[in-house]
Amino acid sequence: MRPSGRDLGELRRVSIEPGVSKHAEGSCLIRMGDTHVLCTATIDERVPPFLKNTGLGWVTAEYGMLPRATNTRMRREAKEGQSGRTQEIQRLIGRALRAGVDRAALGERQITVDCDVLQADGGTRCAAITGGWVALRLAINRLMTAGLVTSDPLVDHVAAVSCGIYAGQPVVDLDYAEDSAAGVDGNFVLTGRGRLIEVQMAAEGATFSRTELDALVGLAEAGVAALVAAQRAALA
């Protein structure tokens, strides 16, 4: 039995509220259970120096957690400097979102997706990717409406979900109670068509078999399909 009472393949309750920021070109608030992440997308008509005069655009991401996003207060990273964990997560988000972008169609401009965790209960990086794609979609919609891009740079949805082995059973969308006790923990990033972008898997307390890995991939595919449906509903 999962602590939340969910079935093995059942996601937490998901809601995506678009357009929550007055100033950002794209934004949403994504809630996956008690994990809440504010995602905003900012368009910059410049690219990093290594892309200048290439005709290619760039999508990057930044990630952070508010001091009381967790059950004890954390120091602000703006004061202390970014942790290695934060750097690793924001690079993952950037890689994931770029996988769904035609950078030539985007043109020489950069979109920065900021993912700020308001409340954490496991799966923050996955929620950030899923919500970050919605913010990116809304920002690109603005470019298209303004006639600044001639074809849609977004080639597919991108979403992510955590999967792991908890109490000997493969489960999807781990909350903190499960994540902190899981024998195997992983994050799966997929496109809307079900193609894998990135898989992060680790044996936390026990090794796992190919059969168990296949079961986790199956859970991830179904979970991401449900998240893509939530993205579509939020944008409808």
Protein backbone atom coordinates (compact mmCIF):
# COMPACT_ATOMS: atom_id res chain seq x y z
CA MET A 1 0.00 0.00 0.00
CA ARG A 2 1.33 3.43 -0.95
CA PRO A 3 1.29 6.04 1.85
CA SER A 4 -1.12 8.17 -0.17
CA GLY A 5 -3.41 5.23 -0.93
CA ARG A 6 -2.88 5.64 -4.68
CA ASP A 7 -2.72 2.72 -7.08
CA LEU A 8 0.75 1.75 -8.35
CA GLY A 9 0.20 3.53 -11.68
CA GLU A 10 -1.80 6.48 -10.36
CA LEU A 11 -0.46 10.04 -10.55
CA ARG A 12 -1.07 12.57 -7.85
CA ARG A 13 -3.77 15.12 -8.65
CA VAL A 14 -2.40 17.37 -11.40
CA SER A 15 -3.46 20.93 -12.16
CA ILE A 16 -1.83 23.42 -14.52
CA GLU A 17 -2.97 27.04 -14.33
CA PRO A 18 -1.66 29.07 -17.29
CA GLY A 19 -1.08 32.81 -17.44
CA VAL A 20 -0.47 33.37 -13.74
CA SER A 21 2.26 36.01 -14.21
CA LYS A 22 1.28 39.48 -15.42
CA HIS A 23 4.69 40.29 -16.87
CA ALA A 24 6.18 37.06 -18.24
CA GLU A 25 5.69 36.16 -21.91
CA GLY A 26 4.56 32.71 -20.78
CA SER A 27 3.73 31.33 -17.36
CA CYS A 28 1.90 28.67 -15.40
CA LEU A 29 1.52 27.29 -11.91
CA ILE A 30 1.73 23.51 -11.90
CA ARG A 31 0.57 21.47 -8.93
CA MET A 32 1.35 17.77 -8.66
CA GLY A 33 -0.11 16.83 -5.33
CA ASP A 34 1.63 18.98 -2.73
CA THR A 35 4.48 19.90 -5.10
CA HIS A 36 3.80 23.37 -6.53
CA VAL A 37 6.09 25.04 -9.08
CA LEU A 38 5.77 28.47 -10.68
CA CYS A 39 7.13 28.43 -14.25
CA THR A 40 7.76 31.60 -16.27
CA ALA A 41 9.23 32.03 -19.75
CA THR A 42 11.13 35.15 -20.85
CA ILE A 43 12.00 36.01 -24.45
CA ASP A 44 15.33 37.70 -25.16
CA GLU A 45 16.15 38.82 -28.69
CA ARG A 46 19.78 37.85 -28.14
CA VAL A 47 21.52 34.49 -27.96
CA PRO A 48 24.60 33.34 -26.05
CA PRO A 49 27.87 34.31 -27.78
CA PHE A 50 28.53 30.78 -29.05
CA LEU A 51 25.32 30.97 -31.13
CA LYS A 52 25.77 34.45 -32.58
CA ASN A 53 25.29 34.55 -36.38
CA THR A 54 24.33 30.86 -36.53
CA GLY A 55 20.62 31.44 -37.10
CA LEU A 56 19.84 29.11 -34.19
CA GLY A 57 17.86 29.94 -31.09
CA TRP A 58 18.36 28.67 -27.56
CA VAL A 59 16.19 27.54 -24.67
CA THR A 60 17.66 27.49 -21.20
CA ALA A 61 16.30 27.12 -17.67
CA GLU A 62 16.92 28.23 -14.11
CA TYR A 63 15.57 26.44 -11.04
CA GLY A 64 15.30 27.32 -7.40
CA MET A 65 13.42 26.51 -4.21
CA LEU A 66 11.94 29.08 -1.85
CA PRO A 67 13.36 28.92 1.69
CA ARG A 68 10.19 27.35 3.12
CA ALA A 69 9.37 25.10 0.17
CA THR A 70 10.32 22.21 2.50
CA ASN A 71 9.57 21.36 6.12
CA THR A 72 12.64 23.23 7.37
CA ARG A 73 13.94 26.57 6.15
CA MET A 74 16.72 26.51 3.57
CA ARG A 75 19.18 29.33 3.03
CA ARG A 76 18.58 31.39 -0.09
CA GLU A 77 20.93 30.35 -2.86
CA ALA A 78 21.13 33.96 -4.02
CA LYS A 79 23.04 34.54 -0.78
CA GLU A 80 24.94 31.29 -0.44
CA GLY A 81 25.56 30.38 -4.10
CA GLN A 82 23.97 27.61 -6.12
CA SER A 83 24.34 24.05 -4.95
CA GLY A 84 25.50 21.30 -7.27
CA ARG A 85 22.00 19.81 -7.07
CA THR A 86 20.41 23.02 -8.32
CA GLN A 87 22.85 23.30 -11.22
CA GLU A 88 22.23 19.69 -12.21
CA ILE A 89 18.45 20.14 -12.13
CA GLN A 90 18.36 23.32 -14.17
CA ARG A 91 20.64 21.79 -16.80
CA LEU A 92 18.27 18.83 -17.00
CA ILE A 93 15.28 21.14 -17.48
CA GLY A 94 17.08 23.06 -20.23
CA ARG A 95 18.12 19.87 -22.06
CA ALA A 96 14.62 18.46 -21.79
CA LEU A 97 12.86 21.52 -23.17
CA ARG A 98 15.36 21.99 -26.01
CA ALA A 99 14.61 18.45 -27.18
CA GLY A 100 11.14 19.61 -28.19
CA VAL A 101 12.30 22.75 -30.05
CA ASP A 102 13.30 23.38 -33.66
CA ARG A 103 16.02 25.91 -32.90
CA ALA A 104 16.30 27.06 -36.52
CA ALA A 105 12.59 27.90 -36.56
CA LEU A 106 12.98 29.77 -33.27
CA GLY A 107 15.57 32.06 -34.85
CA GLU A 108 18.36 33.88 -33.08
CA ARG A 109 16.65 34.52 -29.78
CA GLN A 110 16.76 32.93 -26.35
CA ILE A 111 13.91 31.85 -24.11
CA THR A 112 14.72 31.41 -20.44
CA VAL A 113 12.33 29.26 -18.40
CA ASP A 114 12.46 29.99 -14.67
CA CYS A 115 11.13 27.26 -12.40
CA ASP A 116 10.59 28.33 -8.79
CA VAL A 117 9.47 25.68 -6.32
CA LEU A 118 6.90 27.16 -3.97
CA GLN A 119 6.26 23.90 -2.13
CA ALA A 120 8.11 20.59 -2.41
CA ASP A 121 6.77 17.10 -1.84
CA GLY A 122 8.88 15.07 -4.26
CA GLY A 123 9.20 15.24 -8.04
CA THR A 124 10.04 18.94 -8.28
CA ARG A 125 12.27 18.60 -11.34
CA CYS A 126 9.62 16.59 -13.18
CA ALA A 127 6.92 19.13 -12.34
CA ALA A 128 9.27 21.91 -13.47
CA ILE A 129 9.80 20.27 -16.86
CA THR A 130 6.09 19.60 -17.39
CA GLY A 131 5.05 23.12 -16.34
CA GLY A 132 8.07 24.69 -18.00
CA TRP A 133 6.89 23.33 -21.36
CA VAL A 134 3.52 25.06 -20.92
CA ALA A 135 5.22 28.38 -20.13
CA LEU A 136 7.46 27.89 -23.18
CA ARG A 137 4.42 27.10 -25.36
CA LEU A 138 2.70 30.32 -24.27
CA ALA A 139 5.82 32.41 -24.92
CA ILE A 140 6.19 30.94 -28.41
CA ASN A 141 2.50 31.57 -29.06
CA ARG A 142 3.23 35.24 -28.44
CA LEU A 143 6.08 35.20 -30.95
CA MET A 144 3.84 33.56 -33.54
CA THR A 145 0.99 36.02 -32.94
CA ALA A 146 3.43 38.90 -33.42
CA GLY A 147 4.70 37.34 -36.66
CA LEU A 148 8.24 37.07 -35.30
CA VAL A 149 8.50 33.39 -36.24
CA THR A 150 7.11 31.96 -39.46
CA SER A 151 6.68 28.33 -38.39
CA ASP A 152 6.02 26.76 -35.01
CA PRO A 153 9.36 26.03 -33.28
CA LEU A 154 7.76 23.52 -30.90
CA VAL A 155 7.90 20.09 -32.52
CA ASP A 156 6.37 18.10 -29.67
CA HIS A 157 5.19 18.19 -26.07
CA VAL A 158 7.75 17.47 -23.36
CA ALA A 159 6.82 16.16 -19.90
CA ALA A 160 8.46 14.23 -17.09
CA VAL A 161 7.49 11.92 -14.27
CA SER A 162 9.30 10.10 -11.49
CA CYS A 163 9.07 6.32 -11.10
CA GLY A 164 10.64 4.02 -8.57
CA ILE A 165 10.41 0.84 -6.56
CA TYR A 166 8.75 1.41 -3.22
CA ALA A 167 8.11 -1.46 -0.79
CA GLY A 168 9.12 -3.86 -3.57
CA GLN A 169 6.59 -2.51 -6.08
CA PRO A 170 7.13 -0.30 -9.17
CA VAL A 171 5.20 2.96 -8.66
CA VAL A 172 4.77 6.23 -10.56
CA ASP A 173 4.99 9.85 -9.40
CA LEU A 174 6.65 9.39 -6.02
CA ASP A 175 5.82 11.86 -3.27
CA TYR A 176 8.39 12.64 -0.58
CA ALA A 177 7.31 9.80 1.73
CA GLU A 178 7.96 7.31 -1.08
CA ASP A 179 10.98 9.04 -2.58
CA SER A 180 12.83 9.12 0.74
CA ALA A 181 12.31 5.38 1.26
CA ALA A 182 12.44 4.04 -2.31
CA GLY A 183 14.86 1.26 -3.12
CA VAL A 184 15.12 2.51 -6.71
CA ASP A 185 14.39 6.04 -7.86
CA GLY A 186 14.27 7.49 -11.36
CA ASN A 187 13.12 10.41 -13.50
CA PHE A 188 11.80 9.89 -17.03
CA VAL A 189 11.53 12.69 -19.61
CA LEU A 190 9.54 11.88 -22.74
CA THR A 191 8.00 13.62 -25.73
CA GLY A 192 4.29 13.66 -26.41
CA ARG A 193 4.85 10.89 -28.96
CA GLY A 194 6.39 8.72 -26.25
CA ARG A 195 10.02 9.03 -27.31
CA LEU A 196 12.60 9.10 -24.52
CA ILE A 197 14.60 12.27 -23.95
CA GLU A 198 16.40 11.41 -20.73
CA VAL A 199 16.28 8.75 -18.02
CA GLN A 200 17.93 9.19 -14.62
CA MET A 201 17.91 5.95 -12.61
CA ALA A 202 19.71 4.93 -9.46
CA ALA A 203 19.58 2.06 -7.00
CA GLU A 204 19.12 3.83 -3.68
CA GLY A 205 19.02 0.77 -1.46
CA ALA A 206 18.67 -2.24 -3.73
CA THR A 207 19.61 -3.20 -7.27
CA PHE A 208 16.90 -3.72 -9.87
CA SER A 209 16.29 -6.13 -12.72
CA ARG A 210 15.63 -5.58 -16.42
CA THR A 211 12.05 -6.72 -15.81
CA GLU A 212 11.61 -4.06 -13.14
CA LEU A 213 13.17 -1.44 -15.40
CA ASP A 214 10.73 -2.35 -18.16
CA ALA A 215 7.85 -1.99 -15.70
CA LEU A 216 9.08 1.47 -14.68
CA VAL A 217 9.36 2.54 -18.33
CA GLY A 218 5.77 1.39 -18.89
CA LEU A 219 4.58 3.41 -15.89
CA ALA A 220 6.52 6.44 -17.14
CA GLU A 221 4.99 6.20 -20.62
CA ALA A 222 1.47 6.10 -19.20
CA GLY A 223 2.23 8.85 -16.69
CA VAL A 224 3.69 11.20 -19.29
CA ALA A 225 0.71 10.56 -21.58
CA ALA A 226 -1.58 11.72 -18.77
CA LEU A 227 0.60 14.79 -18.15
CA VAL A 228 0.56 15.70 -21.86
CA ALA A 229 -3.24 15.49 -21.70
CA ALA A 230 -3.13 17.90 -18.74
CA GLN A 231 -0.89 20.26 -20.75
CA ARG A 232 -3.34 20.18 -23.65
CA ALA A 233 -6.29 20.84 -21.33
CA ALA A 234 -4.50 23.80 -19.71
CA LEU A 235 -3.84 25.35 -23.13
CA ALA A 236 -7.28 24.65 -24.61
